[in-house]
Amino acid sequence: MKEIILKVEGMHCEGCEKRIQNAIKNIEGVESVTANYNDGTVKVILIKDIEKNIVTEIIEDIGFEVKED
């Protein structure tokens, strides 16, 4: 398994967390996703190798900004 942790700007509530989680959880190969608006992170657990940019694009497509490390 592989873990991706992204810094995401624009999450302000639990509704934002759910929007992100719902958008990512159905990607083939995603085991789980947890968004946390308090610390501005999205943690994705993968069961197969998926490019980080696929997850990033989905988050940005629904209106949030992913910050690069």
Protein backbone atom coordinates (compact mmCIF):
# COMPACT_ATOMS: atom_id res chain seq x y z
CA MET A 1 0.00 0.00 0.00
CA LYS A 2 1.02 3.57 -0.61
CA GLU A 3 -0.03 6.74 1.21
CA ILE A 4 -0.37 10.19 -0.34
CA ILE A 5 -0.81 13.25 1.88
CA LEU A 6 -1.74 16.49 0.17
CA LYS A 7 -2.03 20.03 1.53
CA VAL A 8 -5.33 21.45 0.27
CA GLU A 9 -6.57 25.03 0.53
CA GLY A 10 -10.21 26.03 0.45
CA MET A 11 -11.73 23.48 2.84
CA HIS A 12 -13.84 25.31 5.41
CA CYS A 13 -16.22 22.71 6.82
CA GLU A 14 -17.21 19.04 6.99
CA GLY A 15 -19.15 19.51 3.75
CA CYS A 16 -15.88 20.35 1.98
CA GLU A 17 -14.29 17.24 3.44
CA LYS A 18 -17.15 15.08 2.17
CA ARG A 19 -16.99 16.61 -1.34
CA ILE A 20 -13.32 15.71 -1.61
CA GLN A 21 -13.75 12.26 -0.10
CA ASN A 22 -16.66 11.44 -2.42
CA ALA A 23 -14.76 12.64 -5.48
CA ILE A 24 -11.69 10.50 -4.73
CA LYS A 25 -13.08 7.34 -3.11
CA ASN A 26 -14.34 5.86 -6.37
CA ILE A 27 -11.00 6.02 -8.19
CA GLU A 28 -9.89 2.50 -8.98
CA GLY A 29 -7.09 1.59 -6.60
CA VAL A 30 -8.08 3.91 -3.75
CA GLU A 31 -8.44 2.04 -0.46
CA SER A 32 -9.52 5.04 1.63
CA VAL A 33 -9.50 8.82 1.71
CA THR A 34 -9.66 11.17 4.69
CA ALA A 35 -9.97 14.93 4.34
CA ASN A 36 -9.43 17.23 7.33
CA TYR A 37 -10.39 20.88 6.97
CA ASN A 38 -8.85 21.80 10.35
CA ASP A 39 -5.32 21.04 9.21
CA GLY A 40 -5.94 21.35 5.46
CA THR A 41 -4.87 17.84 4.53
CA VAL A 42 -6.17 15.00 2.41
CA LYS A 43 -4.76 11.54 3.10
CA VAL A 44 -5.25 8.88 0.43
CA ILE A 45 -4.39 5.20 0.95
CA LEU A 46 -3.81 3.35 -2.32
CA ILE A 47 -3.94 -0.38 -2.98
CA LYS A 48 -2.38 0.03 -6.40
CA ASP A 49 0.01 2.54 -7.88
CA ILE A 50 -1.83 5.67 -8.99
CA GLU A 51 -0.17 8.87 -10.12
CA LYS A 52 -0.43 11.66 -7.54
CA ASN A 53 -1.45 14.12 -10.27
CA ILE A 54 -4.68 12.15 -10.92
CA VAL A 55 -5.80 12.76 -7.33
CA THR A 56 -4.60 16.38 -7.48
CA GLU A 57 -6.56 17.08 -10.67
CA ILE A 58 -9.78 15.70 -9.22
CA ILE A 59 -9.45 17.85 -6.10
CA GLU A 60 -8.75 20.95 -8.19
CA ASP A 61 -11.60 20.15 -10.62
CA ILE A 62 -14.10 20.42 -7.75
CA GLY A 63 -12.79 23.82 -6.67
CA PHE A 64 -9.98 23.33 -4.17
CA GLU A 65 -6.29 24.16 -4.48
CA VAL A 66 -3.58 21.59 -3.86
CA LYS A 67 -0.33 23.08 -2.56
CA GLU A 68 2.92 21.43 -3.56
CA ASP A 69 5.48 20.67 -0.85
